Amino acid sequence: MSTADQLERGLIALGLTLERDTQQRLLDYLALIEKWNRVYNLTAIREPEKMVSHHLLDSLAAAPHLHARRVLDVGSGAGLPGIPLALANPDMHVTLLDSNHKKAAFLNQAVMELKLKNAEVCAERVESWQTRNRFDVIISRAFSDMGEFVRITRHLLASGGMFAAMKGLHPYEEIDKLPPDCKVRQVLPLAVPGLDGARHLVLIGLDDQAR
């Protein structure tokens, strides 16, 4: 099966409808990762078929559960999940934040080559970065444990916004260790086509009275 067919079938399984042009841009994005991976070691996954399931479909599995205009992807690395989310949601503005300048260089190149008008790159440490416009959703994919994730990003969350932590197994222990003002709204099991391991999306709100 070609990667194009694999992606198309995976999108159907996720219940996502994307234009052919968008699907091609997602595959172009994987080609960029492959090219830059030879020098910058962006990801340990080298096989294109695995990249479709472990990177594209894994990132896009969160898309139906995110309803936001401004999204911050913390520790974006190779642009995951931020770039697939930005490609799938033209009305969503995504900031790709990573303190590693080599990875930020890749992200800037990807945004330029993919003509992503709704994404921008920030090469800063999240705990010290300040911005006037806060975010409706702050998302991370294997960035850190959830307590640390919330602690170092909470100054960037808009009132009424939420944290979205992408995890493998249901993170019972991490949830138990969240700060008292954090309220877990949902823990959503994600069925990612082509990925055997467990995946969960944890949506966390913040008690504004205690900020």
Protein backbone atom coordinates (compact mmCIF):
# COMPACT_ATOMS: atom_id res chain seq x y z
CA MET A 1 0.00 0.00 0.00
CA SER A 2 1.32 3.45 -0.88
CA THR A 3 1.70 6.10 1.81
CA ALA A 4 -1.02 8.11 0.04
CA ASP A 5 -3.47 5.20 0.30
CA GLN A 6 -2.41 4.56 3.90
CA LEU A 7 -3.06 8.18 4.81
CA GLU A 8 -6.41 8.27 3.03
CA ARG A 9 -7.62 5.09 4.75
CA GLY A 10 -6.36 6.34 8.08
CA LEU A 11 -8.25 9.62 7.71
CA ILE A 12 -11.45 7.71 6.93
CA ALA A 13 -10.94 5.60 10.06
CA LEU A 14 -10.49 8.79 12.12
CA GLY A 15 -13.62 10.31 10.60
CA LEU A 16 -11.66 13.19 9.06
CA THR A 17 -12.35 14.60 5.62
CA LEU A 18 -9.40 16.45 4.09
CA GLU A 19 -9.00 17.79 0.55
CA ARG A 20 -6.60 15.95 -1.76
CA ASP A 21 -4.35 18.99 -1.75
CA THR A 22 -4.16 18.90 2.05
CA GLN A 23 -3.38 15.18 2.02
CA GLN A 24 -0.57 15.83 -0.45
CA ARG A 25 0.84 18.60 1.75
CA LEU A 26 0.84 16.19 4.70
CA LEU A 27 2.89 13.75 2.59
CA ASP A 28 5.16 16.60 1.47
CA TYR A 29 5.71 17.36 5.13
CA LEU A 30 6.83 13.78 5.76
CA ALA A 31 9.22 14.05 2.82
CA LEU A 32 10.73 17.14 4.45
CA ILE A 33 11.19 15.26 7.73
CA GLU A 34 12.91 12.43 5.84
CA LYS A 35 15.24 14.86 4.11
CA TRP A 36 16.21 16.81 7.22
CA ASN A 37 16.38 13.69 9.38
CA ARG A 38 19.61 12.67 7.69
CA VAL A 39 21.39 15.61 9.33
CA TYR A 40 19.28 16.79 12.27
CA ASN A 41 17.90 13.51 13.66
CA LEU A 42 14.39 14.89 14.07
CA THR A 43 12.79 11.50 14.70
CA ALA A 44 13.90 7.93 15.37
CA ILE A 45 11.26 6.65 12.94
CA ARG A 46 12.72 6.30 9.45
CA GLU A 47 10.20 4.21 7.51
CA PRO A 48 7.63 6.33 5.58
CA GLU A 49 4.82 3.88 6.41
CA LYS A 50 5.51 4.18 10.13
CA MET A 51 5.73 7.95 9.81
CA VAL A 52 2.19 8.04 8.42
CA SER A 53 0.74 6.16 11.40
CA HIS A 54 3.07 7.26 14.21
CA HIS A 55 3.34 10.91 13.19
CA LEU A 56 0.53 12.07 10.90
CA LEU A 57 -2.39 9.93 12.04
CA ASP A 58 -1.32 10.01 15.68
CA SER A 59 -1.29 13.83 15.58
CA LEU A 60 -4.54 14.09 13.63
CA ALA A 61 -6.36 11.75 16.03
CA ALA A 62 -6.56 14.71 18.42
CA ALA A 63 -8.05 17.06 15.81
CA PRO A 64 -11.77 16.26 16.34
CA HIS A 65 -11.42 17.08 20.05
CA LEU A 66 -9.74 20.47 19.69
CA HIS A 67 -11.96 23.49 19.08
CA ALA A 68 -9.68 26.49 19.25
CA ARG A 69 -8.54 29.49 17.27
CA ARG A 70 -5.11 29.81 18.90
CA VAL A 71 -3.04 26.71 19.70
CA LEU A 72 0.45 26.43 21.19
CA ASP A 73 2.42 23.27 20.41
CA VAL A 74 5.03 23.01 23.18
CA GLY A 75 8.24 21.10 22.48
CA SER A 76 7.15 20.85 18.87
CA GLY A 77 10.33 19.11 17.69
CA ALA A 78 9.65 18.06 14.11
CA GLY A 79 6.32 19.92 14.21
CA LEU A 80 4.22 17.26 15.88
CA PRO A 81 1.33 17.55 16.43
CA GLY A 82 1.27 21.23 15.41
CA ILE A 83 1.95 21.06 11.67
CA PRO A 84 -0.58 18.28 10.91
CA LEU A 85 -3.16 20.14 13.02
CA ALA A 86 -2.46 23.40 11.18
CA LEU A 87 -2.74 21.69 7.79
CA ALA A 88 -6.03 20.04 8.75
CA ASN A 89 -7.52 23.19 10.31
CA PRO A 90 -6.93 26.35 8.21
CA ASP A 91 -8.94 28.46 10.69
CA MET A 92 -6.68 27.42 13.57
CA HIS A 93 -3.52 29.46 14.21
CA VAL A 94 -0.72 27.28 15.57
CA THR A 95 2.48 28.45 17.26
CA LEU A 96 5.26 25.86 17.09
CA LEU A 97 7.54 26.36 20.06
CA ASP A 98 10.87 24.60 20.53
CA SER A 99 14.01 25.85 22.27
CA ASN A 100 16.30 23.76 20.04
CA HIS A 101 17.47 26.10 17.29
CA LYS A 102 18.20 23.32 14.79
CA LYS A 103 14.66 22.02 15.16
CA ALA A 104 13.33 25.57 14.95
CA ALA A 105 15.27 25.97 11.67
CA PHE A 106 13.51 22.89 10.31
CA LEU A 107 10.14 24.19 11.49
CA ASN A 108 10.70 27.52 9.76
CA GLN A 109 11.65 25.73 6.53
CA ALA A 110 8.59 23.47 6.77
CA VAL A 111 6.24 26.42 7.36
CA MET A 112 7.74 28.19 4.34
CA GLU A 113 7.76 25.22 1.95
CA LEU A 114 4.28 24.06 2.93
CA LYS A 115 3.00 27.64 2.60
CA LEU A 116 1.45 27.41 6.06
CA LYS A 117 -0.08 30.82 6.60
CA ASN A 118 -1.68 29.76 9.88
CA ALA A 119 1.51 28.66 11.65
CA GLU A 120 4.51 30.44 13.12
CA VAL A 121 7.69 29.28 14.85
CA CYS A 122 9.08 30.42 18.18
CA ALA A 123 12.58 29.35 19.30
CA GLU A 124 12.27 30.06 23.03
CA ARG A 125 12.16 28.26 26.36
CA VAL A 126 8.48 28.03 27.18
CA GLU A 127 8.86 28.79 30.90
CA SER A 128 10.41 32.21 30.19
CA TRP A 129 8.53 33.11 27.00
CA GLN A 130 5.91 35.82 27.20
CA THR A 131 3.26 36.80 24.67
CA ARG A 132 0.42 39.29 24.74
CA ASN A 133 -2.02 36.87 23.10
CA ARG A 134 -2.64 33.78 25.19
CA PHE A 135 -3.75 30.43 23.82
CA ASP A 136 -7.08 28.60 23.80
CA VAL A 137 -5.29 25.23 23.74
CA ILE A 138 -1.75 24.34 24.79
CA ILE A 139 -0.84 20.89 23.50
CA SER A 140 2.13 18.61 24.01
CA ARG A 141 3.11 15.23 22.63
CA ALA A 142 5.54 13.41 24.91
CA PHE A 143 6.98 16.73 26.12
CA SER A 144 7.06 16.04 29.87
CA ASP A 145 4.90 14.70 32.67
CA MET A 146 1.60 16.56 32.95
CA GLY A 147 2.37 18.31 36.24
CA GLU A 148 5.52 19.86 34.76
CA PHE A 149 3.72 20.61 31.50
CA VAL A 150 1.03 22.60 33.31
CA ARG A 151 3.49 24.31 35.63
CA ILE A 152 5.73 25.78 32.94
CA THR A 153 2.98 26.74 30.46
CA ARG A 154 0.11 28.02 32.62
CA HIS A 155 1.12 31.67 32.16
CA LEU A 156 0.35 31.25 28.45
CA LEU A 157 -3.17 29.79 28.78
CA ALA A 158 -6.12 32.04 28.02
CA SER A 159 -9.00 32.25 30.47
CA GLY A 160 -11.30 29.30 29.83
CA GLY A 161 -8.62 27.53 27.79
CA MET A 162 -7.34 24.02 28.25
CA PHE A 163 -4.20 21.94 28.24
CA ALA A 164 -4.17 18.92 25.91
CA ALA A 165 -1.64 16.24 26.83
CA MET A 166 -1.11 13.42 24.33
CA LYS A 167 -0.18 10.26 26.21
CA GLY A 168 0.24 6.53 25.68
CA LEU A 169 -1.26 4.49 28.50
CA HIS A 170 -3.92 6.11 30.69
CA PRO A 171 -1.75 8.35 32.95
CA TYR A 172 -3.43 7.65 36.30
CA GLU A 173 -0.38 8.58 38.40
CA GLU A 174 0.30 11.82 36.53
CA ILE A 175 -3.34 12.85 36.92
CA ASP A 176 -3.15 12.21 40.67
CA LYS A 177 -0.12 14.52 40.92
CA LEU A 178 -1.66 17.48 39.07
CA PRO A 179 -1.90 20.78 41.02
CA PRO A 180 -5.15 21.23 42.99
CA ASP A 181 -6.44 23.95 40.66
CA CYS A 182 -6.25 21.64 37.61
CA LYS A 183 -9.46 19.93 36.61
CA VAL A 184 -9.33 16.97 34.23
CA ARG A 185 -12.21 17.53 31.83
CA GLN A 186 -11.83 14.36 29.79
CA VAL A 187 -9.47 11.46 29.20
CA LEU A 188 -10.17 10.34 25.67
CA PRO A 189 -8.88 7.01 24.32
CA LEU A 190 -7.65 7.48 20.76
CA ALA A 191 -7.74 4.69 18.17
CA VAL A 192 -4.87 5.50 15.79
CA PRO A 193 -4.89 3.46 12.55
CA GLY A 194 -1.69 1.45 12.22
CA LEU A 195 -0.58 2.08 15.79
CA ASP A 196 -0.94 -0.85 18.18
CA GLY A 197 -0.08 0.89 21.44
CA ALA A 198 -2.59 2.69 23.65
CA ARG A 199 -3.07 6.41 23.08
CA HIS A 200 -4.99 8.91 25.22
CA LEU A 201 -5.73 12.61 25.02
CA VAL A 202 -6.04 14.28 28.42
CA LEU A 203 -7.91 17.60 28.45
CA ILE A 204 -7.21 19.73 31.52
CA GLY A 205 -8.81 22.98 32.59
CA LEU A 206 -7.55 25.51 35.11
CA ASP A 207 -9.58 27.01 37.92
CA ASP A 208 -9.31 30.71 37.01
CA GLN A 209 -10.02 31.74 40.58
CA ALA A 210 -6.78 30.08 41.66
CA ARG A 211 -4.48 31.32 38.89
